[in-house]
């Protein structure tokens, strides 16, 4: 696959692309994830026979740009902003049209949104806002986020396929808010499947900070394999 780097609205973007793509994969990433993208895309390519486009964009203000609403800090001193709406606008109105026109010949092919940690929560939230995404890969998503459980009781997901995963040790933390992540994701999975959405909840070995590239690759692979299979 060819790899290109470019700027859109001052955001650093990386695209991996081949001939006649059948899927577009999106992922907001931080600096560490950006460094591991070559490996992640290679892992996906090894398991997916169909050609695809993979697009990542760098999120510099993580807690601001991916958070759906304001919330106080749960670790450290940084609270959460309400920039998710602007980030989703950037995807739908700027980068997706550009990628589709330049690399997919304007074709209407399935779009998969994925993300790790708070970006995983952003992927889930985005699926409540729009039908743009055929599938969502929410990898170790921050479903402990204040108000998220209540939000999903009132708002339906507008996608047909959702991949969920979590590290087995993630709920074993002294932080009381984040320790709820295990129960929250079990509740999330139950609600998703109860709504008739095709889903899986995969448990990975280790804590939140291990093998994020491999875990994200597994999420995208599941989504691609389940496109068209409800």
C-alpha atoms as a PDB file:
ATOM      1  CA  UNK A   1       0.000   0.000   0.000  1.00  0.00           C
ATOM      2  CA  UNK A   2       1.102   3.556  -0.665  1.00  0.00           C
ATOM      3  CA  UNK A   3       1.463   5.923   2.291  1.00  0.00           C
ATOM      4  CA  UNK A   4       0.966   9.677   2.079  1.00  0.00           C
ATOM      5  CA  UNK A   5       0.973  12.492   4.629  1.00  0.00           C
ATOM      6  CA  UNK A   6      -0.917  15.759   4.220  1.00  0.00           C
ATOM      7  CA  UNK A   7      -2.627  18.575   6.117  1.00  0.00           C
ATOM      8  CA  UNK A   8      -6.350  19.323   6.170  1.00  0.00           C
ATOM      9  CA  UNK A   9      -7.485  22.254   8.328  1.00  0.00           C
ATOM     10  CA  UNK A  10      -4.021  22.159   9.925  1.00  0.00           C
ATOM     11  CA  UNK A  11      -4.531  18.570  11.060  1.00  0.00           C
ATOM     12  CA  UNK A  12      -1.806  16.085  10.219  1.00  0.00           C
ATOM     13  CA  UNK A  13      -3.312  13.198   8.258  1.00  0.00           C
ATOM     14  CA  UNK A  14      -1.853   9.921   7.033  1.00  0.00           C
ATOM     15  CA  UNK A  15      -3.468   7.769   4.377  1.00  0.00           C
ATOM     16  CA  UNK A  16      -2.617   4.243   3.265  1.00  0.00           C
ATOM     17  CA  UNK A  17      -4.223   3.311  -0.021  1.00  0.00           C
ATOM     18  CA  UNK A  18      -4.201   0.782  -2.831  1.00  0.00           C
ATOM     19  CA  UNK A  19      -6.081   0.103  -6.026  1.00  0.00           C
ATOM     20  CA  UNK A  20      -9.894  -0.085  -6.151  1.00  0.00           C
ATOM     21  CA  UNK A  21     -10.597   0.145  -2.396  1.00  0.00           C
ATOM     22  CA  UNK A  22     -13.727  -1.498  -1.029  1.00  0.00           C
ATOM     23  CA  UNK A  23     -13.654   0.060   2.453  1.00  0.00           C
ATOM     24  CA  UNK A  24     -12.521   3.291   4.118  1.00  0.00           C
ATOM     25  CA  UNK A  25     -11.180   2.978   7.660  1.00  0.00           C
ATOM     26  CA  UNK A  26     -10.852   6.072   9.886  1.00  0.00           C
ATOM     27  CA  UNK A  27      -9.026   6.463  13.191  1.00  0.00           C
ATOM     28  CA  UNK A  28      -8.202   9.523  15.335  1.00  0.00           C
ATOM     29  CA  UNK A  29      -4.743   8.915  16.871  1.00  0.00           C
ATOM     30  CA  UNK A  30      -2.284  10.420  19.325  1.00  0.00           C
ATOM     31  CA  UNK A  31       1.483  10.710  18.793  1.00  0.00           C
ATOM     32  CA  UNK A  32       2.240   7.210  20.096  1.00  0.00           C
ATOM     33  CA  UNK A  33      -0.407   5.589  17.921  1.00  0.00           C
ATOM     34  CA  UNK A  34       0.792   7.570  14.908  1.00  0.00           C
ATOM     35  CA  UNK A  35       4.239   5.988  15.312  1.00  0.00           C
ATOM     36  CA  UNK A  36       2.764   2.477  15.214  1.00  0.00           C
ATOM     37  CA  UNK A  37       0.438   2.893  12.244  1.00  0.00           C
ATOM     38  CA  UNK A  38       2.684   1.038   9.785  1.00  0.00           C
ATOM     39  CA  UNK A  39       2.492  -2.072  11.945  1.00  0.00           C
ATOM     40  CA  UNK A  40      -1.239  -1.713  12.563  1.00  0.00           C
ATOM     41  CA  UNK A  41      -2.071  -1.356   8.874  1.00  0.00           C
ATOM     42  CA  UNK A  42       0.165  -4.327   8.058  1.00  0.00           C
ATOM     43  CA  UNK A  43      -1.728  -6.425  10.608  1.00  0.00           C
ATOM     44  CA  UNK A  44      -5.042  -5.474   9.019  1.00  0.00           C
ATOM     45  CA  UNK A  45      -3.753  -6.100   5.512  1.00  0.00           C
ATOM     46  CA  UNK A  46      -2.545  -9.572   6.499  1.00  0.00           C
ATOM     47  CA  UNK A  47      -6.083 -10.607   7.504  1.00  0.00           C
ATOM     48  CA  UNK A  48      -8.246  -8.672   5.046  1.00  0.00           C
ATOM     49  CA  UNK A  49      -8.241  -9.840   1.445  1.00  0.00           C
ATOM     50  CA  UNK A  50     -10.145  -6.861   0.026  1.00  0.00           C
ATOM     51  CA  UNK A  51      -8.273  -3.606  -0.744  1.00  0.00           C
ATOM     52  CA  UNK A  52      -9.024  -0.735   1.620  1.00  0.00           C
ATOM     53  CA  UNK A  53      -8.087   2.828   2.496  1.00  0.00           C
ATOM     54  CA  UNK A  54      -6.857   3.568   6.005  1.00  0.00           C
ATOM     55  CA  UNK A  55      -6.944   7.176   7.183  1.00  0.00           C
ATOM     56  CA  UNK A  56      -5.570   8.470  10.487  1.00  0.00           C
ATOM     57  CA  UNK A  57      -5.479  12.037  11.747  1.00  0.00           C
ATOM     58  CA  UNK A  58      -3.520  13.386  14.678  1.00  0.00           C
ATOM     59  CA  UNK A  59      -5.480  14.676  17.666  1.00  0.00           C
ATOM     60  CA  UNK A  60      -3.363  17.179  19.575  1.00  0.00           C
ATOM     61  CA  UNK A  61      -5.842  18.117  22.329  1.00  0.00           C
ATOM     62  CA  UNK A  62      -7.120  14.653  23.159  1.00  0.00           C
ATOM     63  CA  UNK A  63      -9.457  15.478  26.046  1.00  0.00           C
ATOM     64  CA  UNK A  64     -10.949  18.421  24.191  1.00  0.00           C
ATOM     65  CA  UNK A  65     -11.305  17.174  20.623  1.00  0.00           C
ATOM     66  CA  UNK A  66     -12.757  13.720  21.364  1.00  0.00           C
ATOM     67  CA  UNK A  67     -15.000  14.451  24.333  1.00  0.00           C
ATOM     68  CA  UNK A  68     -18.753  14.783  23.624  1.00  0.00           C
ATOM     69  CA  UNK A  69     -19.380  17.119  26.563  1.00  0.00           C
ATOM     70  CA  UNK A  70     -17.607  18.861  29.415  1.00  0.00           C
ATOM     71  CA  UNK A  71     -16.601  16.735  32.379  1.00  0.00           C
ATOM     72  CA  UNK A  72     -14.227  17.187  35.342  1.00  0.00           C
ATOM     73  CA  UNK A  73     -10.838  15.445  35.487  1.00  0.00           C
ATOM     74  CA  UNK A  74     -10.814  11.783  36.501  1.00  0.00           C
ATOM     75  CA  UNK A  75      -7.017  11.518  36.472  1.00  0.00           C
ATOM     76  CA  UNK A  76      -4.420  14.249  36.459  1.00  0.00           C
ATOM     77  CA  UNK A  77      -5.437  17.886  36.202  1.00  0.00           C
ATOM     78  CA  UNK A  78      -6.974  17.998  32.727  1.00  0.00           C
ATOM     79  CA  UNK A  79     -10.738  17.960  32.427  1.00  0.00           C
ATOM     80  CA  UNK A  80     -12.749  17.155  29.318  1.00  0.00           C
ATOM     81  CA  UNK A  81     -14.133  19.595  26.770  1.00  0.00           C
ATOM     82  CA  UNK A  82     -16.924  19.320  24.230  1.00  0.00           C
ATOM     83  CA  UNK A  83     -15.033  19.167  20.948  1.00  0.00           C
ATOM     84  CA  UNK A  84     -16.378  15.867  19.599  1.00  0.00           C
ATOM     85  CA  UNK A  85     -18.970  17.642  17.476  1.00  0.00           C
ATOM     86  CA  UNK A  86     -16.320  19.718  15.709  1.00  0.00           C
ATOM     87  CA  UNK A  87     -14.154  16.621  15.156  1.00  0.00           C
ATOM     88  CA  UNK A  88     -17.080  14.741  13.645  1.00  0.00           C
ATOM     89  CA  UNK A  89     -17.774  17.732  11.389  1.00  0.00           C
ATOM     90  CA  UNK A  90     -14.148  17.652  10.238  1.00  0.00           C
ATOM     91  CA  UNK A  91     -14.487  13.967   9.343  1.00  0.00           C
ATOM     92  CA  UNK A  92     -17.807  14.225   7.534  1.00  0.00           C
ATOM     93  CA  UNK A  93     -17.358  17.560   5.769  1.00  0.00           C
ATOM     94  CA  UNK A  94     -13.632  17.741   5.123  1.00  0.00           C
ATOM     95  CA  UNK A  95     -11.529  14.612   5.249  1.00  0.00           C
ATOM     96  CA  UNK A  96     -14.109  12.032   4.127  1.00  0.00           C
ATOM     97  CA  UNK A  97     -15.125  13.942   0.961  1.00  0.00           C
ATOM     98  CA  UNK A  98     -11.449  14.578   0.173  1.00  0.00           C
ATOM     99  CA  UNK A  99     -10.459  10.918   0.604  1.00  0.00           C
ATOM    100  CA  UNK A 100     -13.476   9.648  -1.320  1.00  0.00           C
ATOM    101  CA  UNK A 101     -12.850  11.969  -4.253  1.00  0.00           C
ATOM    102  CA  UNK A 102      -9.073  11.606  -4.420  1.00  0.00           C
ATOM    103  CA  UNK A 103      -8.590   7.932  -3.587  1.00  0.00           C
ATOM    104  CA  UNK A 104     -11.917   6.149  -4.112  1.00  0.00           C
ATOM    105  CA  UNK A 105     -13.029   7.865  -7.346  1.00  0.00           C
ATOM    106  CA  UNK A 106     -16.077   9.287  -5.591  1.00  0.00           C
ATOM    107  CA  UNK A 107     -17.502   5.820  -4.990  1.00  0.00           C
ATOM    108  CA  UNK A 108     -20.008   5.137  -2.230  1.00  0.00           C
ATOM    109  CA  UNK A 109     -18.139   2.488  -0.232  1.00  0.00           C
ATOM    110  CA  UNK A 110     -18.574   1.475   3.424  1.00  0.00           C
ATOM    111  CA  UNK A 111     -16.882   3.681   6.016  1.00  0.00           C
ATOM    112  CA  UNK A 112     -15.643   2.227   9.311  1.00  0.00           C
ATOM    113  CA  UNK A 113     -14.840   4.428  12.300  1.00  0.00           C
ATOM    114  CA  UNK A 114     -12.441   3.120  14.918  1.00  0.00           C
ATOM    115  CA  UNK A 115     -10.585   4.427  17.910  1.00  0.00           C
ATOM    116  CA  UNK A 116      -8.742   3.541  21.099  1.00  0.00           C
ATOM    117  CA  UNK A 117      -9.549   4.765  24.611  1.00  0.00           C
ATOM    118  CA  UNK A 118     -11.315   8.157  24.433  1.00  0.00           C
ATOM    119  CA  UNK A 119     -11.208   7.871  20.630  1.00  0.00           C
ATOM    120  CA  UNK A 120     -13.161   4.616  21.067  1.00  0.00           C
ATOM    121  CA  UNK A 121     -15.820   6.510  22.998  1.00  0.00           C
ATOM    122  CA  UNK A 122     -15.794   9.145  20.256  1.00  0.00           C
ATOM    123  CA  UNK A 123     -16.432   6.405  17.689  1.00  0.00           C
ATOM    124  CA  UNK A 124     -19.436   5.166  19.661  1.00  0.00           C
ATOM    125  CA  UNK A 125     -20.767   8.704  20.165  1.00  0.00           C
ATOM    126  CA  UNK A 126     -20.358   9.426  16.449  1.00  0.00           C
ATOM    127  CA  UNK A 127     -22.473   6.370  15.646  1.00  0.00           C
ATOM    128  CA  UNK A 128     -25.287   7.951  17.668  1.00  0.00           C
ATOM    129  CA  UNK A 129     -25.110  11.136  15.565  1.00  0.00           C
ATOM    130  CA  UNK A 130     -25.007   9.896  11.994  1.00  0.00           C
ATOM    131  CA  UNK A 131     -25.540   6.940   9.683  1.00  0.00           C
ATOM    132  CA  UNK A 132     -22.241   7.684   7.931  1.00  0.00           C
ATOM    133  CA  UNK A 133     -20.466   4.682   9.449  1.00  0.00           C
ATOM    134  CA  UNK A 134     -21.288   1.124   8.401  1.00  0.00           C
ATOM    135  CA  UNK A 135     -19.404  -0.236  11.411  1.00  0.00           C
ATOM    136  CA  UNK A 136     -17.599   0.998  14.517  1.00  0.00           C
ATOM    137  CA  UNK A 137     -14.524  -0.434  16.246  1.00  0.00           C
ATOM    138  CA  UNK A 138     -14.533   0.843  19.831  1.00  0.00           C
ATOM    139  CA  UNK A 139     -11.300  -0.515  21.294  1.00  0.00           C
ATOM    140  CA  UNK A 140     -10.863  -0.171  25.056  1.00  0.00           C
ATOM    141  CA  UNK A 141     -13.392   2.695  24.864  1.00  0.00           C
ATOM    142  CA  UNK A 142     -13.797   5.112  27.775  1.00  0.00           C
ATOM    143  CA  UNK A 143     -17.342   3.969  28.525  1.00  0.00           C
ATOM    144  CA  UNK A 144     -16.750   4.968  32.153  1.00  0.00           C
ATOM    145  CA  UNK A 145     -17.058   8.578  30.921  1.00  0.00           C
ATOM    146  CA  UNK A 146     -19.370  10.648  33.169  1.00  0.00           C
ATOM    147  CA  UNK A 147     -22.909  10.629  31.774  1.00  0.00           C
ATOM    148  CA  UNK A 148     -22.216   8.129  28.989  1.00  0.00           C
ATOM    149  CA  UNK A 149     -24.375   5.302  30.312  1.00  0.00           C
ATOM    150  CA  UNK A 150     -27.381   7.603  30.713  1.00  0.00           C
ATOM    151  CA  UNK A 151     -26.755   9.052  27.246  1.00  0.00           C
ATOM    152  CA  UNK A 152     -26.915   5.653  25.539  1.00  0.00           C
ATOM    153  CA  UNK A 153     -30.159   4.855  27.302  1.00  0.00           C
ATOM    154  CA  UNK A 154     -31.747   7.804  25.485  1.00  0.00           C
ATOM    155  CA  UNK A 155     -29.885   7.714  22.147  1.00  0.00           C
ATOM    156  CA  UNK A 156     -29.785   4.808  19.704  1.00  0.00           C
ATOM    157  CA  UNK A 157     -26.766   3.777  17.674  1.00  0.00           C
ATOM    158  CA  UNK A 158     -27.241   4.414  13.972  1.00  0.00           C
ATOM    159  CA  UNK A 159     -24.947   1.680  12.711  1.00  0.00           C
ATOM    160  CA  UNK A 160     -25.475  -2.047  12.227  1.00  0.00           C
ATOM    161  CA  UNK A 161     -22.167  -3.383  13.544  1.00  0.00           C
ATOM    162  CA  UNK A 162     -20.183  -2.507  16.676  1.00  0.00           C
ATOM    163  CA  UNK A 163     -16.951  -4.109  17.874  1.00  0.00           C
ATOM    164  CA  UNK A 164     -16.115  -3.706  21.563  1.00  0.00           C
ATOM    165  CA  UNK A 165     -13.023  -4.802  23.434  1.00  0.00           C
ATOM    166  CA  UNK A 166     -11.337  -4.307  26.784  1.00  0.00           C
ATOM    167  CA  UNK A 167      -8.187  -5.455  28.558  1.00  0.00           C
ATOM    168  CA  UNK A 168      -8.886  -7.901  31.373  1.00  0.00           C
ATOM    169  CA  UNK A 169      -6.962  -5.771  33.868  1.00  0.00           C
ATOM    170  CA  UNK A 170      -8.505  -2.426  32.929  1.00  0.00           C
ATOM    171  CA  UNK A 171     -11.203  -2.558  35.597  1.00  0.00           C
ATOM    172  CA  UNK A 172      -8.617  -3.448  38.249  1.00  0.00           C
ATOM    173  CA  UNK A 173      -7.538   0.090  39.055  1.00  0.00           C
ATOM    174  CA  UNK A 174      -7.656   2.243  42.171  1.00  0.00           C
ATOM    175  CA  UNK A 175      -9.418   5.029  40.300  1.00  0.00           C
ATOM    176  CA  UNK A 176     -13.057   4.442  41.237  1.00  0.00           C
ATOM    177  CA  UNK A 177     -14.510   6.083  38.124  1.00  0.00           C
ATOM    178  CA  UNK A 178     -12.290   4.184  35.711  1.00  0.00           C
ATOM    179  CA  UNK A 179     -12.705   0.937  37.650  1.00  0.00           C
ATOM    180  CA  UNK A 180     -16.333   0.926  36.489  1.00  0.00           C
ATOM    181  CA  UNK A 181     -15.217   0.360  32.896  1.00  0.00           C
ATOM    182  CA  UNK A 182     -15.766  -3.404  33.062  1.00  0.00           C
ATOM    183  CA  UNK A 183     -19.362  -3.188  34.255  1.00  0.00           C
ATOM    184  CA  UNK A 184     -20.002  -0.292  31.861  1.00  0.00           C
ATOM    185  CA  UNK A 185     -18.816  -2.184  28.789  1.00  0.00           C
ATOM    186  CA  UNK A 186     -20.779  -5.303  29.764  1.00  0.00           C
ATOM    187  CA  UNK A 187     -23.877  -3.106  30.086  1.00  0.00           C
ATOM    188  CA  UNK A 188     -23.047  -1.426  26.774  1.00  0.00           C
ATOM    189  CA  UNK A 189     -22.717  -4.760  24.983  1.00  0.00           C
ATOM    190  CA  UNK A 190     -25.985  -6.027  26.453  1.00  0.00           C
ATOM    191  CA  UNK A 191     -27.821  -2.896  25.332  1.00  0.00           C
ATOM    192  CA  UNK A 192     -26.300  -2.989  21.837  1.00  0.00           C
ATOM    193  CA  UNK A 193     -27.199  -6.608  21.199  1.00  0.00           C
ATOM    194  CA  UNK A 194     -30.632  -6.041  22.723  1.00  0.00           C
ATOM    195  CA  UNK A 195     -31.224  -3.424  20.044  1.00  0.00           C
ATOM    196  CA  UNK A 196     -30.480  -6.000  17.352  1.00  0.00           C
ATOM    197  CA  UNK A 197     -27.057  -4.630  16.405  1.00  0.00           C
ATOM    198  CA  UNK A 198     -24.466  -7.197  15.397  1.00  0.00           C
ATOM    199  CA  UNK A 199     -21.708  -6.943  17.979  1.00  0.00           C
ATOM    200  CA  UNK A 200     -18.948  -8.715  19.854  1.00  0.00           C
ATOM    201  CA  UNK A 201     -17.197  -7.999  23.144  1.00  0.00           C
ATOM    202  CA  UNK A 202     -13.622  -9.248  23.045  1.00  0.00           C
ATOM    203  CA  UNK A 203     -11.422  -9.450  26.113  1.00  0.00           C
ATOM    204  CA  UNK A 204      -7.681  -8.917  25.676  1.00  0.00           C
ATOM    205  CA  UNK A 205      -4.903  -9.817  28.047  1.00  0.00           C
ATOM    206  CA  UNK A 206      -3.293  -6.988  29.981  1.00  0.00           C
ATOM    207  CA  UNK A 207      -4.190  -3.474  31.026  1.00  0.00           C
ATOM    208  CA  UNK A 208      -5.194  -0.363  29.091  1.00  0.00           C
ATOM    209  CA  UNK A 209      -1.723   0.474  27.823  1.00  0.00           C
ATOM    210  CA  UNK A 210      -0.722  -2.724  26.055  1.00  0.00           C
ATOM    211  CA  UNK A 211      -0.630  -3.512  22.323  1.00  0.00           C
ATOM    212  CA  UNK A 212      -3.044  -0.811  21.204  1.00  0.00           C
ATOM    213  CA  UNK A 213      -2.002  -1.291  17.557  1.00  0.00           C
ATOM    214  CA  UNK A 214      -2.802  -5.015  17.646  1.00  0.00           C
ATOM    215  CA  UNK A 215      -6.092  -4.409  19.468  1.00  0.00           C
ATOM    216  CA  UNK A 216      -7.171  -1.742  16.968  1.00  0.00           C
ATOM    217  CA  UNK A 217      -6.224  -3.974  14.058  1.00  0.00           C
ATOM    218  CA  UNK A 218      -8.407  -6.754  15.469  1.00  0.00           C
ATOM    219  CA  UNK A 219     -11.322  -4.331  15.741  1.00  0.00           C
ATOM    220  CA  UNK A 220     -11.048  -3.131  12.158  1.00  0.00           C
ATOM    221  CA  UNK A 221     -10.638  -6.699  10.882  1.00  0.00           C
ATOM    222  CA  UNK A 222     -13.854  -7.765  12.635  1.00  0.00           C
ATOM    223  CA  UNK A 223     -15.717  -4.807  11.149  1.00  0.00           C
ATOM    224  CA  UNK A 224     -14.567  -5.507   7.603  1.00  0.00           C
ATOM    225  CA  UNK A 225     -15.419  -9.178   7.885  1.00  0.00           C
ATOM    226  CA  UNK A 226     -18.904  -8.374   9.157  1.00  0.00           C
ATOM    227  CA  UNK A 227     -19.836  -5.752   6.588  1.00  0.00           C
ATOM    228  CA  UNK A 228     -22.794  -7.201   4.703  1.00  0.00           C
ATOM    229  CA  UNK A 229     -23.336  -9.885   7.334  1.00  0.00           C
ATOM    230  CA  UNK A 230     -26.022  -8.732   9.770  1.00  0.00           C
END
